[in-house]
PDB file of N, CA and C in Angstrom:
ATOM      1  N   MET A   1     131.600 228.491 111.383  1.00  0.00           N
ATOM      2  CA  MET A   1     133.005 228.307 110.840  1.00  0.00           C
ATOM      3  C   MET A   1     133.580 228.970 111.494  1.00  0.00           C
ATOM      4  N   ALA A   2     134.884 229.344 111.876  1.00  0.00           N
ATOM      5  CA  ALA A   2     135.809 230.541 111.894  1.00  0.00           C
ATOM      6  C   ALA A   2     137.427 230.212 111.190  1.00  0.00           C
ATOM      7  N   PHE A   3     137.663 231.254 110.725  1.00  0.00           N
ATOM      8  CA  PHE A   3     138.814 231.193 110.092  1.00  0.00           C
ATOM      9  C   PHE A   3     139.774 232.543 110.316  1.00  0.00           C
ATOM     10  N   THR A   4     141.509 231.970 110.324  1.00  0.00           N
ATOM     11  CA  THR A   4     142.382 232.884 110.759  1.00  0.00           C
ATOM     12  C   THR A   4     143.519 233.352 109.799  1.00  0.00           C
ATOM     13  N   ILE A   5     143.675 234.517 110.116  1.00  0.00           N
ATOM     14  CA  ILE A   5     144.600 235.029 108.363  1.00  0.00           C
ATOM     15  C   ILE A   5     145.620 235.947 109.050  1.00  0.00           C
ATOM     16  N   LYS A   6     146.605 235.868 108.992  1.00  0.00           N
ATOM     17  CA  LYS A   6     147.949 237.284 109.284  1.00  0.00           C
ATOM     18  C   LYS A   6     147.595 238.238 108.652  1.00  0.00           C
ATOM     19  N   GLN A   7     147.907 239.650 109.550  1.00  0.00           N
ATOM     20  CA  GLN A   7     147.474 240.695 108.864  1.00  0.00           C
ATOM     21  C   GLN A   7     148.205 240.599 107.484  1.00  0.00           C
ATOM     22  N   ASN A   8     147.723 241.256 106.141  1.00  0.00           N
ATOM     23  CA  ASN A   8     148.674 241.297 104.929  1.00  0.00           C
ATOM     24  C   ASN A   8     148.631 240.335 104.301  1.00  0.00           C
ATOM     25  N   ASP A   9     148.259 239.137 104.606  1.00  0.00           N
ATOM     26  CA  ASP A   9     148.519 237.846 103.883  1.00  0.00           C
ATOM     27  C   ASP A   9     147.420 237.806 102.711  1.00  0.00           C
ATOM     28  N   THR A  10     147.703 236.697 102.105  1.00  0.00           N
ATOM     29  CA  THR A  10     146.526 236.394 100.775  1.00  0.00           C
ATOM     30  C   THR A  10     146.796 234.907 100.401  1.00  0.00           C
ATOM     31  N   SER A  11     146.993 234.414 101.555  1.00  0.00           N
ATOM     32  CA  SER A  11     147.101 232.535 101.318  1.00  0.00           C
ATOM     33  C   SER A  11     146.727 232.577 102.662  1.00  0.00           C
ATOM     34  N   PRO A  12     146.099 231.625 102.982  1.00  0.00           N
ATOM     35  CA  PRO A  12     145.481 230.650 102.029  1.00  0.00           C
ATOM     36  C   PRO A  12     144.008 231.193 101.968  1.00  0.00           C
ATOM     37  N   ALA A  13     143.396 230.944 100.628  1.00  0.00           N
ATOM     38  CA  ALA A  13     142.246 231.016 100.208  1.00  0.00           C
ATOM     39  C   ALA A  13     141.167 230.462 101.193  1.00  0.00           C
ATOM     40  N   LEU A  14     140.103 231.212 101.240  1.00  0.00           N
ATOM     41  CA  LEU A  14     139.113 230.730 102.198  1.00  0.00           C
ATOM     42  C   LEU A  14     138.094 229.469 101.532  1.00  0.00           C
ATOM     43  N   GLN A  15     137.795 228.493 101.868  1.00  0.00           N
ATOM     44  CA  GLN A  15     137.258 227.606 101.121  1.00  0.00           C
ATOM     45  C   GLN A  15     136.156 226.684 101.961  1.00  0.00           C
ATOM     46  N   ALA A  16     135.029 227.111 100.873  1.00  0.00           N
ATOM     47  CA  ALA A  16     133.874 226.442 101.965  1.00  0.00           C
ATOM     48  C   ALA A  16     133.215 225.801 101.374  1.00  0.00           C
ATOM     49  N   THR A  17     132.503 224.522 101.932  1.00  0.00           N
ATOM     50  CA  THR A  17     131.505 223.481 101.106  1.00  0.00           C
ATOM     51  C   THR A  17     129.882 224.064 101.675  1.00  0.00           C
ATOM     52  N   LEU A  18     129.081 224.309 100.425  1.00  0.00           N
ATOM     53  CA  LEU A  18     127.744 224.897 100.561  1.00  0.00           C
ATOM     54  C   LEU A  18     126.901 224.063 100.918  1.00  0.00           C
ATOM     55  N   GLU A  19     126.382 223.652 101.786  1.00  0.00           N
ATOM     56  CA  GLU A  19     125.396 222.631 101.935  1.00  0.00           C
ATOM     57  C   GLU A  19     124.167 222.747 102.409  1.00  0.00           C
ATOM     58  N   ASP A  20     123.060 222.187 101.919  1.00  0.00           N
ATOM     59  CA  ASP A  20     121.760 222.578 102.236  1.00  0.00           C
ATOM     60  C   ASP A  20     121.297 221.856 103.760  1.00  0.00           C
ATOM     61  N   PHE A  21     120.067 222.123 104.279  1.00  0.00           N
ATOM     62  CA  PHE A  21     119.937 221.705 106.023  1.00  0.00           C
ATOM     63  C   PHE A  21     120.217 220.384 106.183  1.00  0.00           C
ATOM     64  N   ALA A  22     120.390 219.527 104.858  1.00  0.00           N
ATOM     65  CA  ALA A  22     120.567 218.086 105.573  1.00  0.00           C
ATOM     66  C   ALA A  22     122.119 217.623 105.755  1.00  0.00           C
ATOM     67  N   GLY A  23     122.835 218.398 105.579  1.00  0.00           N
ATOM     68  CA  GLY A  23     124.402 218.432 105.062  1.00  0.00           C
ATOM     69  C   GLY A  23     124.725 217.938 103.595  1.00  0.00           C
ATOM     70  N   THR A  24     123.824 217.959 102.721  1.00  0.00           N
ATOM     71  CA  THR A  24     124.406 217.717 101.177  1.00  0.00           C
ATOM     72  C   THR A  24     124.411 219.073 100.264  1.00  0.00           C
ATOM     73  N   PRO A  25     125.716 218.777 100.050  1.00  0.00           N
ATOM     74  CA  PRO A  25     126.305 220.193  99.111  1.00  0.00           C
ATOM     75  C   PRO A  25     125.383 220.422  97.959  1.00  0.00           C
ATOM     76  N   ILE A  26     125.242 221.740  98.228  1.00  0.00           N
ATOM     77  CA  ILE A  26     124.099 222.448  96.827  1.00  0.00           C
ATOM     78  C   ILE A  26     124.634 222.342  95.453  1.00  0.00           C
ATOM     79  N   ASN A  27     124.176 222.190  94.676  1.00  0.00           N
ATOM     80  CA  ASN A  27     124.680 222.127  92.983  1.00  0.00           C
ATOM     81  C   ASN A  27     124.657 223.858  92.471  1.00  0.00           C
ATOM     82  N   LEU A  28     125.823 223.992  91.972  1.00  0.00           N
ATOM     83  CA  LEU A  28     126.101 225.558  91.447  1.00  0.00           C
ATOM     84  C   LEU A  28     125.995 225.152  90.509  1.00  0.00           C
ATOM     85  N   ASN A  29     125.864 224.301  89.200  1.00  0.00           N
ATOM     86  CA  ASN A  29     125.496 224.595  88.019  1.00  0.00           C
ATOM     87  C   ASN A  29     124.659 225.791  87.815  1.00  0.00           C
ATOM     88  N   GLY A  30     125.333 226.873  86.856  1.00  0.00           N
ATOM     89  CA  GLY A  30     124.491 227.983  86.304  1.00  0.00           C
ATOM     90  C   GLY A  30     124.347 228.720  87.397  1.00  0.00           C
ATOM     91  N   ALA A  31     125.435 228.689  88.334  1.00  0.00           N
ATOM     92  CA  ALA A  31     124.684 229.765  89.672  1.00  0.00           C
ATOM     93  C   ALA A  31     126.344 230.957  89.329  1.00  0.00           C
ATOM     94  N   THR A  32     125.991 231.997  90.407  1.00  0.00           N
ATOM     95  CA  THR A  32     127.071 233.018  90.609  1.00  0.00           C
ATOM     96  C   THR A  32     127.100 233.178  91.827  1.00  0.00           C
ATOM     97  N   VAL A  33     128.709 233.303  92.761  1.00  0.00           N
ATOM     98  CA  VAL A  33     128.710 233.120  93.894  1.00  0.00           C
ATOM     99  C   VAL A  33     129.491 234.748  94.316  1.00  0.00           C
ATOM    100  N   ARG A  34     128.719 234.994  95.036  1.00  0.00           N
ATOM    101  CA  ARG A  34     129.903 236.619  95.562  1.00  0.00           C
ATOM    102  C   ARG A  34     130.187 236.046  97.082  1.00  0.00           C
ATOM    103  N   PHE A  35     131.338 236.599  97.742  1.00  0.00           N
ATOM    104  CA  PHE A  35     131.504 236.830  98.838  1.00  0.00           C
ATOM    105  C   PHE A  35     131.683 237.834  99.684  1.00  0.00           C
ATOM    106  N   HIS A  36     131.031 238.159 100.684  1.00  0.00           N
ATOM    107  CA  HIS A  36     130.634 239.035 101.119  1.00  0.00           C
ATOM    108  C   HIS A  36     131.373 239.276 102.620  1.00  0.00           C
ATOM    109  N   MET A  37     132.606 240.142 103.067  1.00  0.00           N
ATOM    110  CA  MET A  37     132.697 240.293 104.469  1.00  0.00           C
ATOM    111  C   MET A  37     132.793 242.228 105.204  1.00  0.00           C
ATOM    112  N   LYS A  38     132.116 241.996 106.409  1.00  0.00           N
ATOM    113  CA  LYS A  38     132.192 243.126 106.820  1.00  0.00           C
ATOM    114  C   LYS A  38     132.502 243.302 108.179  1.00  0.00           C
ATOM    115  N   SER A  39     133.363 244.078 108.555  1.00  0.00           N
ATOM    116  CA  SER A  39     133.592 244.691 109.732  1.00  0.00           C
ATOM    117  C   SER A  39     132.500 244.108 111.220  1.00  0.00           C
ATOM    118  N   LEU A  40     132.749 244.173 112.409  1.00  0.00           N
ATOM    119  CA  LEU A  40     131.722 244.337 113.737  1.00  0.00           C
ATOM    120  C   LEU A  40     130.861 245.481 113.320  1.00  0.00           C
ATOM    121  N   GLU A  41     131.595 246.223 113.172  1.00  0.00           N
ATOM    122  CA  GLU A  41     130.767 247.809 113.075  1.00  0.00           C
ATOM    123  C   GLU A  41     129.678 248.022 111.880  1.00  0.00           C
ATOM    124  N   GLY A  42     129.787 247.136 110.917  1.00  0.00           N
ATOM    125  CA  GLY A  42     128.899 247.079 109.417  1.00  0.00           C
ATOM    126  C   GLY A  42     129.745 247.966 108.221  1.00  0.00           C
ATOM    127  N   VAL A  43     130.776 247.614 108.664  1.00  0.00           N
ATOM    128  CA  VAL A  43     131.767 248.650 107.267  1.00  0.00           C
ATOM    129  C   VAL A  43     132.298 247.341 106.607  1.00  0.00           C
ATOM    130  N   ILE A  44     131.170 247.394 105.360  1.00  0.00           N
ATOM    131  CA  ILE A  44     131.802 246.747 103.945  1.00  0.00           C
ATOM    132  C   ILE A  44     133.362 246.252 103.875  1.00  0.00           C
ATOM    133  N   LYS A  45     133.745 245.299 104.241  1.00  0.00           N
ATOM    134  CA  LYS A  45     135.501 244.771 103.393  1.00  0.00           C
ATOM    135  C   LYS A  45     135.618 244.318 102.086  1.00  0.00           C
ATOM    136  N   VAL A  46     134.662 243.589 101.832  1.00  0.00           N
ATOM    137  CA  VAL A  46     134.760 242.512 100.864  1.00  0.00           C
ATOM    138  C   VAL A  46     133.214 242.638 100.039  1.00  0.00           C
ATOM    139  N   ASP A  47     133.618 242.662  99.065  1.00  0.00           N
ATOM    140  CA  ASP A  47     132.097 242.133  98.293  1.00  0.00           C
ATOM    141  C   ASP A  47     132.714 242.027  96.616  1.00  0.00           C
ATOM    142  N   ARG A  48     133.008 240.654  96.577  1.00  0.00           N
ATOM    143  CA  ARG A  48     133.971 240.128  95.140  1.00  0.00           C
ATOM    144  C   ARG A  48     132.670 239.070  94.771  1.00  0.00           C
ATOM    145  N   VAL A  49     133.162 238.837  93.532  1.00  0.00           N
ATOM    146  CA  VAL A  49     133.036 237.073  93.294  1.00  0.00           C
ATOM    147  C   VAL A  49     133.505 236.445  93.465  1.00  0.00           C
ATOM    148  N   ALA A  50     132.974 235.098  94.087  1.00  0.00           N
ATOM    149  CA  ALA A  50     133.994 233.986  94.723  1.00  0.00           C
ATOM    150  C   ALA A  50     134.207 232.968  93.014  1.00  0.00           C
ATOM    151  N   THR A  51     134.962 232.311  93.582  1.00  0.00           N
ATOM    152  CA  THR A  51     135.460 231.108  92.778  1.00  0.00           C
ATOM    153  C   THR A  51     134.117 229.963  92.977  1.00  0.00           C
ATOM    154  N   ILE A  52     133.969 229.383  91.968  1.00  0.00           N
ATOM    155  CA  ILE A  52     133.338 227.811  92.243  1.00  0.00           C
ATOM    156  C   ILE A  52     134.278 226.867  92.157  1.00  0.00           C
ATOM    157  N   VAL A  53     134.762 226.148  92.900  1.00  0.00           N
ATOM    158  CA  VAL A  53     135.633 224.976  92.665  1.00  0.00           C
ATOM    159  C   VAL A  53     135.302 223.768  92.491  1.00  0.00           C
ATOM    160  N   ASN A  54     134.043 223.220  92.666  1.00  0.00           N
ATOM    161  CA  ASN A  54     133.434 222.225  91.947  1.00  0.00           C
ATOM    162  C   ASN A  54     131.850 222.967  92.089  1.00  0.00           C
ATOM    163  N   ALA A  55     131.328 222.580  91.204  1.00  0.00           N
ATOM    164  CA  ALA A  55     130.008 222.908  91.359  1.00  0.00           C
ATOM    165  C   ALA A  55     129.059 222.053  91.736  1.00  0.00           C
ATOM    166  N   LEU A  56     129.226 220.697  91.432  1.00  0.00           N
ATOM    167  CA  LEU A  56     128.441 219.714  92.041  1.00  0.00           C
ATOM    168  C   LEU A  56     128.587 219.652  93.244  1.00  0.00           C
ATOM    169  N   GLY A  57     129.777 219.241  93.749  1.00  0.00           N
ATOM    170  CA  GLY A  57     130.296 219.478  95.651  1.00  0.00           C
ATOM    171  C   GLY A  57     130.002 220.722  96.041  1.00  0.00           C
ATOM    172  N   GLY A  58     129.511 222.021  95.212  1.00  0.00           N
ATOM    173  CA  GLY A  58     128.827 223.031  95.984  1.00  0.00           C
ATOM    174  C   GLY A  58     130.629 223.433  97.246  1.00  0.00           C
ATOM    175  N   ILE A  59     131.181 223.681  96.548  1.00  0.00           N
ATOM    176  CA  ILE A  59     132.972 223.748  97.093  1.00  0.00           C
ATOM    177  C   ILE A  59     132.892 225.741  96.111  1.00  0.00           C
ATOM    178  N   VAL A  60     133.539 226.240  97.241  1.00  0.00           N
ATOM    179  CA  VAL A  60     133.458 227.680  96.555  1.00  0.00           C
ATOM    180  C   VAL A  60     135.182 228.168  97.209  1.00  0.00           C
ATOM    181  N   LYS A  61     135.126 229.170  96.613  1.00  0.00           N
ATOM    182  CA  LYS A  61     136.431 229.900  97.553  1.00  0.00           C
ATOM    183  C   LYS A  61     136.523 231.382  97.371  1.00  0.00           C
ATOM    184  N   HIS A  62     137.113 231.873  98.130  1.00  0.00           N
ATOM    185  CA  HIS A  62     137.496 233.332  98.187  1.00  0.00           C
ATOM    186  C   HIS A  62     138.838 233.649  98.462  1.00  0.00           C
ATOM    187  N   ASN A  63     139.570 234.251  97.077  1.00  0.00           N
ATOM    188  CA  ASN A  63     140.786 234.291  96.793  1.00  0.00           C
ATOM    189  C   ASN A  63     141.525 235.964  97.449  1.00  0.00           C
ATOM    190  N   TRP A  64     141.978 235.823  98.603  1.00  0.00           N
ATOM    191  CA  TRP A  64     142.329 237.110  99.294  1.00  0.00           C
ATOM    192  C   TRP A  64     142.932 238.084  98.192  1.00  0.00           C
ATOM    193  N   GLN A  65     142.726 239.226  98.179  1.00  0.00           N
ATOM    194  CA  GLN A  65     143.584 240.278  97.933  1.00  0.00           C
ATOM    195  C   GLN A  65     144.214 241.172  99.146  1.00  0.00           C
ATOM    196  N   ALA A  66     145.249 241.916  98.712  1.00  0.00           N
ATOM    197  CA  ALA A  66     146.335 242.624  99.915  1.00  0.00           C
ATOM    198  C   ALA A  66     144.936 243.481 100.586  1.00  0.00           C
ATOM    199  N   ALA A  67     144.173 244.400  99.901  1.00  0.00           N
ATOM    200  CA  ALA A  67     143.731 244.944 101.066  1.00  0.00           C
ATOM    201  C   ALA A  67     142.329 244.483 101.792  1.00  0.00           C
ATOM    202  N   ASP A  68     142.220 243.407 101.133  1.00  0.00           N
ATOM    203  CA  ASP A  68     141.079 242.494 102.290  1.00  0.00           C
ATOM    204  C   ASP A  68     141.578 242.015 103.146  1.00  0.00           C
ATOM    205  N   THR A  69     142.866 242.053 103.654  1.00  0.00           N
ATOM    206  CA  THR A  69     143.325 241.663 105.483  1.00  0.00           C
ATOM    207  C   THR A  69     144.540 242.382 105.699  1.00  0.00           C
ATOM    208  N   ASP A  70     144.586 243.829 105.333  1.00  0.00           N
ATOM    209  CA  ASP A  70     145.353 244.985 105.658  1.00  0.00           C
ATOM    210  C   ASP A  70     145.106 245.397 107.253  1.00  0.00           C
ATOM    211  N   THR A  71     143.832 245.098 107.419  1.00  0.00           N
ATOM    212  CA  THR A  71     143.120 245.986 108.786  1.00  0.00           C
ATOM    213  C   THR A  71     143.127 244.530 110.243  1.00  0.00           C
ATOM    214  N   VAL A  72     143.527 244.581 111.224  1.00  0.00           N
ATOM    215  CA  VAL A  72     143.285 243.677 111.938  1.00  0.00           C
ATOM    216  C   VAL A  72     142.012 243.992 112.465  1.00  0.00           C
ATOM    217  N   GLY A  73     141.307 242.677 112.945  1.00  0.00           N
ATOM    218  CA  GLY A  73     139.916 242.767 113.449  1.00  0.00           C
ATOM    219  C   GLY A  73     139.134 241.185 113.223  1.00  0.00           C
ATOM    220  N   THR A  74     138.014 241.159 113.652  1.00  0.00           N
ATOM    221  CA  THR A  74     137.232 239.993 113.860  1.00  0.00           C
ATOM    222  C   THR A  74     135.862 240.635 112.701  1.00  0.00           C
ATOM    223  N   TYR A  75     135.404 239.991 111.583  1.00  0.00           N
ATOM    224  CA  TYR A  75     134.755 239.866 110.447  1.00  0.00           C
ATOM    225  C   TYR A  75     133.936 238.986 110.572  1.00  0.00           C
ATOM    226  N   PHE A  76     132.360 239.672 109.760  1.00  0.00           N
ATOM    227  CA  PHE A  76     131.496 238.732 109.823  1.00  0.00           C
ATOM    228  C   PHE A  76     131.815 238.591 107.984  1.00  0.00           C
ATOM    229  N   ALA A  77     131.348 236.844 107.649  1.00  0.00           N
ATOM    230  CA  ALA A  77     131.547 236.756 106.237  1.00  0.00           C
ATOM    231  C   ALA A  77     130.240 235.804 105.519  1.00  0.00           C
ATOM    232  N   GLU A  78     129.831 235.990 104.212  1.00  0.00           N
ATOM    233  CA  GLU A  78     129.119 235.070 103.714  1.00  0.00           C
ATOM    234  C   GLU A  78     129.056 235.000 102.229  1.00  0.00           C
ATOM    235  N   PHE A  79     128.621 233.738 101.805  1.00  0.00           N
ATOM    236  CA  PHE A  79     128.528 233.270 100.504  1.00  0.00           C
ATOM    237  C   PHE A  79     127.152 233.428  99.768  1.00  0.00           C
ATOM    238  N   GLU A  80     127.099 234.447  99.038  1.00  0.00           N
ATOM    239  CA  GLU A  80     125.559 234.693  98.505  1.00  0.00           C
ATOM    240  C   GLU A  80     125.646 233.965  97.037  1.00  0.00           C
ATOM    241  N   VAL A  81     124.488 233.005  96.971  1.00  0.00           N
ATOM    242  CA  VAL A  81     124.415 232.041  95.803  1.00  0.00           C
ATOM    243  C   VAL A  81     123.438 232.490  94.823  1.00  0.00           C
ATOM    244  N   THR A  82     123.393 232.966  93.419  1.00  0.00           N
ATOM    245  CA  THR A  82     122.202 233.677  93.114  1.00  0.00           C
ATOM    246  C   THR A  82     122.469 232.140  91.931  1.00  0.00           C
ATOM    247  N   TYR A  83     121.298 231.411  91.808  1.00  0.00           N
ATOM    248  CA  TYR A  83     120.716 230.223  91.178  1.00  0.00           C
ATOM    249  C   TYR A  83     120.285 230.652  89.673  1.00  0.00           C
ATOM    250  N   TYR A  84     120.524 229.852  89.059  1.00  0.00           N
ATOM    251  CA  TYR A  84     119.835 230.114  87.253  1.00  0.00           C
ATOM    252  C   TYR A  84     118.563 230.922  87.234  1.00  0.00           C
ATOM    253  N   ASP A  85     118.011 230.569  88.474  1.00  0.00           N
ATOM    254  CA  ASP A  85     116.519 231.176  87.849  1.00  0.00           C
ATOM    255  C   ASP A  85     116.596 232.523  88.246  1.00  0.00           C
ATOM    256  N   ASN A  86     117.485 232.761  88.838  1.00  0.00           N
ATOM    257  CA  ASN A  86     117.524 234.386  89.693  1.00  0.00           C
ATOM    258  C   ASN A  86     117.477 234.297  91.149  1.00  0.00           C
ATOM    259  N   SER A  87     117.187 233.222  91.830  1.00  0.00           N
ATOM    260  CA  SER A  87     116.806 233.270  93.112  1.00  0.00           C
ATOM    261  C   SER A  87     118.027 233.311  94.106  1.00  0.00           C
ATOM    262  N   ILE A  88     118.094 233.610  94.999  1.00  0.00           N
ATOM    263  CA  ILE A  88     119.471 233.748  95.880  1.00  0.00           C
ATOM    264  C   ILE A  88     119.202 233.257  97.370  1.00  0.00           C
ATOM    265  N   GLU A  89     120.045 232.750  97.583  1.00  0.00           N
ATOM    266  CA  GLU A  89     120.720 232.156  98.909  1.00  0.00           C
ATOM    267  C   GLU A  89     121.822 232.146  99.519  1.00  0.00           C
ATOM    268  N   THR A  90     121.801 232.803 100.832  1.00  0.00           N
ATOM    269  CA  THR A  90     123.043 232.388 101.525  1.00  0.00           C
ATOM    270  C   THR A  90     123.511 231.772 102.583  1.00  0.00           C
ATOM    271  N   PHE A  91     124.758 231.322 102.376  1.00  0.00           N
ATOM    272  CA  PHE A  91     125.606 230.247 103.397  1.00  0.00           C
ATOM    273  C   PHE A  91     127.233 231.017 104.385  1.00  0.00           C
ATOM    274  N   PRO A  92     126.830 230.823 105.362  1.00  0.00           N
ATOM    275  CA  PRO A  92     125.814 229.668 106.197  1.00  0.00           C
ATOM    276  C   PRO A  92     124.428 230.262 106.317  1.00  0.00           C
ATOM    277  N   ASN A  93     123.427 229.398 106.030  1.00  0.00           N
ATOM    278  CA  ASN A  93     122.008 230.075 106.179  1.00  0.00           C
ATOM    279  C   ASN A  93     121.873 230.630 107.699  1.00  0.00           C
ATOM    280  N   THR A  94     122.290 230.049 109.002  1.00  0.00           N
ATOM    281  CA  THR A  94     122.413 230.993 110.082  1.00  0.00           C
ATOM    282  C   THR A  94     123.832 231.536 110.453  1.00  0.00           C
ATOM    283  N   GLY A  95     123.636 232.612 111.274  1.00  0.00           N
ATOM    284  CA  GLY A  95     125.056 233.273 111.539  1.00  0.00           C
ATOM    285  C   GLY A  95     125.968 233.480 110.194  1.00  0.00           C
ATOM    286  N   SER A  96     127.009 233.553 110.374  1.00  0.00           N
ATOM    287  CA  SER A  96     128.042 233.776 109.675  1.00  0.00           C
ATOM    288  C   SER A  96     129.619 233.160 110.021  1.00  0.00           C
ATOM    289  N   ILE A  97     130.230 233.174 109.270  1.00  0.00           N
ATOM    290  CA  ILE A  97     131.699 232.723 109.045  1.00  0.00           C
ATOM    291  C   ILE A  97     132.185 233.977 109.666  1.00  0.00           C
ATOM    292  N   SER A  98     132.944 233.360 110.792  1.00  0.00           N
ATOM    293  CA  SER A  98     133.932 234.617 111.872  1.00  0.00           C
ATOM    294  C   SER A  98     135.199 234.382 111.221  1.00  0.00           C
ATOM    295  N   VAL A  99     136.051 235.473 110.529  1.00  0.00           N
ATOM    296  CA  VAL A  99     137.122 235.879 109.916  1.00  0.00           C
ATOM    297  C   VAL A  99     137.857 236.744 110.751  1.00  0.00           C
ATOM    298  N   VAL A 100     139.157 236.162 111.482  1.00  0.00           N
ATOM    299  CA  VAL A 100     139.850 237.020 112.151  1.00  0.00           C
ATOM    300  C   VAL A 100     141.505 237.200 111.254  1.00  0.00           C
ATOM    301  N   ILE A 101     141.551 238.439 111.502  1.00  0.00           N
ATOM    302  CA  ILE A 101     142.825 238.739 110.588  1.00  0.00           C
ATOM    303  C   ILE A 101     143.816 239.570 111.996  1.00  0.00           C
ATOM    304  N   THR A 102     144.643 238.618 112.578  1.00  0.00           N
ATOM    305  CA  THR A 102     145.583 238.792 113.605  1.00  0.00           C
ATOM    306  C   THR A 102     146.803 239.494 112.842  1.00  0.00           C
ATOM    307  N   PRO A 103     147.736 240.439 114.250  1.00  0.00           N
ATOM    308  CA  PRO A 103     148.274 241.360 113.603  1.00  0.00           C
ATOM    309  C   PRO A 103     149.638 240.688 113.141  1.00  0.00           C
ATOM    310  N   GLU A 104     150.559 241.090 111.872  1.00  0.00           N
ATOM    311  CA  GLU A 104     151.998 240.644 111.647  1.00  0.00           C
ATOM    312  C   GLU A 104     152.725 241.256 112.690  1.00  0.00           C
ATOM    313  N   LEU A 105     153.586 240.550 113.159  1.00  0.00           N
ATOM    314  CA  LEU A 105     154.930 240.878 114.014  1.00  0.00           C
ATOM    315  C   LEU A 105     156.028 242.507 113.446  1.00  0.00           C
ATOM    316  N   ASN A 106     156.062 242.260 112.084  1.00  0.00           N
ATOM    317  CA  ASN A 106     156.885 243.758 111.638  1.00  0.00           C
ATOM    318  C   ASN A 106     156.058 244.859 110.927  1.00  0.00           C
TER     319      ASN A 106
END
């Protein structure tokens, strides 16, 4: 999955459906979700609680803050789920979400 946003923009939110290996949305009832994003050099840019949009449908989103998109570049991102039993699973399970912040014109 790739997501592109302009420098200093805070919209649109990055939304994803978290699915198991068979493509079935995971149940997020009783879970918490964090959004992580780091630069290609490994510098953490974002580590914040994500919003669960639809728990049964596995839909989550990250609402951008100004500091999240202030630096042009390509970043790796993922959603980390902590289930009700404290087990942890990260999505996507393989690879990561590519977030590209492109320069603004002014």
